[in-house]
Amino acid sequence: MTSISPVTQLVAAIRSQLDRAAPARRRRPGAAAASRQAAEGLTSLIELRVAHIAEDDPQRGRKAFRVFLEAVLLAHFGTKVANDARFHQMLDDIQQAMESDPASGQLVEQAIAHLLARQS
């Protein structure tokens, strides 16, 4: 039996919230395969960026989670928002809310451990 990682759980929770907030989108042929391929690329990008965070950085865990959160949101909204200051404020607000909420905070901590363990 395969376990679902906290990262996967958080991605699902974030996407669920984003889907509720956004109008329904139509699926196009091949969308499932493209989505899997995009997820693999997203995972590689997250791992690469987390690997560049200094091992002795006391904020390494928070920074790793921010990399993860930013990548998920950019995958949803598109990379064109990356240079918008409002996007980064939204990212700050979401990260703070997730870390402050007891249920989400526990998943965040587990996701951080998972993200950093993949770097070992």
Protein backbone atom coordinates (compact mmCIF):
# COMPACT_ATOMS: atom_id res chain seq x y z
CA MET A 1 0.00 0.00 0.00
CA THR A 2 1.40 3.40 -0.97
CA SER A 3 1.19 6.28 1.45
CA ILE A 4 0.23 9.75 0.34
CA SER A 5 2.90 12.26 1.23
CA PRO A 6 2.03 15.46 3.09
CA VAL A 7 3.21 17.36 0.02
CA THR A 8 0.66 15.54 -2.14
CA GLN A 9 -2.04 16.20 0.45
CA LEU A 10 -1.20 19.90 0.52
CA VAL A 11 -1.17 20.15 -3.28
CA ALA A 12 -4.60 18.52 -3.36
CA ALA A 13 -5.93 20.85 -0.65
CA ILE A 14 -4.55 23.96 -2.35
CA ARG A 15 -5.85 22.92 -5.76
CA SER A 16 -9.25 22.15 -4.26
CA GLN A 17 -9.45 25.63 -2.75
CA LEU A 18 -8.30 27.24 -6.00
CA ASP A 19 -10.81 25.22 -8.03
CA ARG A 20 -13.63 26.32 -5.74
CA ALA A 21 -12.62 29.95 -6.18
CA ALA A 22 -12.23 29.74 -9.97
CA PRO A 23 -14.88 29.08 -12.61
CA ALA A 24 -15.09 25.52 -13.93
CA ARG A 25 -12.59 24.75 -16.66
CA ARG A 26 -13.20 22.39 -19.54
CA ARG A 27 -10.89 19.42 -19.91
CA ARG A 28 -9.28 19.07 -23.29
CA PRO A 29 -8.11 15.79 -24.84
CA GLY A 30 -4.76 14.75 -23.39
CA ALA A 31 -5.19 17.02 -20.37
CA ALA A 32 -4.54 14.19 -17.88
CA ALA A 33 -1.21 13.28 -19.50
CA ALA A 34 -0.22 16.95 -19.72
CA SER A 35 -1.17 17.40 -16.07
CA ARG A 36 1.02 14.44 -15.01
CA GLN A 37 3.91 15.79 -17.05
CA ALA A 38 3.48 19.26 -15.55
CA ALA A 39 3.39 17.75 -12.04
CA GLU A 40 6.67 15.93 -12.70
CA GLY A 41 8.25 19.15 -13.95
CA LEU A 42 6.91 21.00 -10.93
CA THR A 43 8.39 18.40 -8.58
CA SER A 44 11.79 18.69 -10.29
CA LEU A 45 11.71 22.48 -10.08
CA ILE A 46 10.80 22.41 -6.38
CA GLU A 47 13.57 19.91 -5.60
CA LEU A 48 16.12 21.99 -7.52
CA ARG A 49 15.16 25.22 -5.77
CA VAL A 50 15.08 23.61 -2.31
CA ALA A 51 18.54 22.15 -2.94
CA HIS A 52 19.86 25.71 -3.34
CA ILE A 53 18.79 26.74 0.16
CA ALA A 54 21.81 26.67 2.46
CA GLU A 55 21.81 23.64 4.75
CA ASP A 56 22.70 25.81 7.76
CA ASP A 57 20.00 28.42 7.07
CA PRO A 58 17.80 28.61 10.20
CA GLN A 59 14.81 29.46 7.96
CA ARG A 60 15.47 26.57 5.58
CA GLY A 61 12.19 24.79 6.35
CA ARG A 62 10.05 27.90 5.87
CA LYS A 63 11.92 28.77 2.68
CA ALA A 64 11.48 25.23 1.34
CA PHE A 65 7.75 25.41 2.01
CA ARG A 66 7.57 28.81 0.34
CA VAL A 67 9.29 27.40 -2.75
CA PHE A 68 6.72 24.61 -2.80
CA LEU A 69 3.76 26.95 -2.27
CA GLU A 70 4.99 29.43 -4.87
CA ALA A 71 5.45 26.67 -7.45
CA VAL A 72 1.94 25.30 -6.88
CA LEU A 73 0.36 28.75 -7.17
CA LEU A 74 2.38 29.67 -10.27
CA ALA A 75 1.34 26.38 -11.87
CA HIS A 76 -2.28 27.35 -11.21
CA PHE A 77 -2.19 31.08 -12.07
CA GLY A 78 0.57 31.03 -14.69
CA THR A 79 4.10 32.34 -14.45
CA LYS A 80 3.11 35.79 -15.67
CA VAL A 81 2.06 36.72 -12.11
CA ALA A 82 5.53 35.99 -10.70
CA ASN A 83 6.63 39.61 -11.04
CA ASP A 84 3.46 41.08 -9.52
CA ALA A 85 3.97 42.40 -5.98
CA ARG A 86 0.36 41.43 -5.17
CA PHE A 87 1.21 37.80 -5.94
CA HIS A 88 4.04 37.85 -3.42
CA GLN A 89 1.80 39.50 -0.80
CA MET A 90 -0.83 36.82 -1.44
CA LEU A 91 1.90 34.18 -1.08
CA ASP A 92 2.95 35.68 2.28
CA ASP A 93 -0.67 35.73 3.47
CA ILE A 94 -1.36 32.15 2.41
CA GLN A 95 1.83 30.81 3.97
CA GLN A 96 1.12 32.62 7.25
CA ALA A 97 -2.48 31.39 7.32
CA MET A 98 -1.45 27.80 6.62
CA GLU A 99 1.28 27.85 9.27
CA SER A 100 -1.10 29.40 11.84
CA ASP A 101 -3.95 26.95 11.32
CA PRO A 102 -3.49 23.86 13.54
CA ALA A 103 -4.62 21.32 10.91
CA SER A 104 -2.78 22.95 8.01
CA GLY A 105 0.21 23.74 10.19
CA GLN A 106 0.73 20.07 10.94
CA LEU A 107 0.65 19.23 7.23
CA VAL A 108 3.04 22.12 6.54
CA GLU A 109 5.51 20.73 9.09
CA GLN A 110 5.22 17.25 7.58
CA ALA A 111 5.65 18.68 4.07
CA ILE A 112 8.76 20.58 5.17
CA ALA A 113 10.23 17.39 6.62
CA HIS A 114 9.41 15.57 3.38
CA LEU A 115 10.89 18.33 1.19
CA LEU A 116 14.09 18.46 3.20
CA ALA A 117 14.41 14.68 3.48
CA ARG A 118 14.43 14.42 -0.32
CA GLN A 119 17.57 16.59 -0.27
CA SER A 120 19.53 14.26 2.02
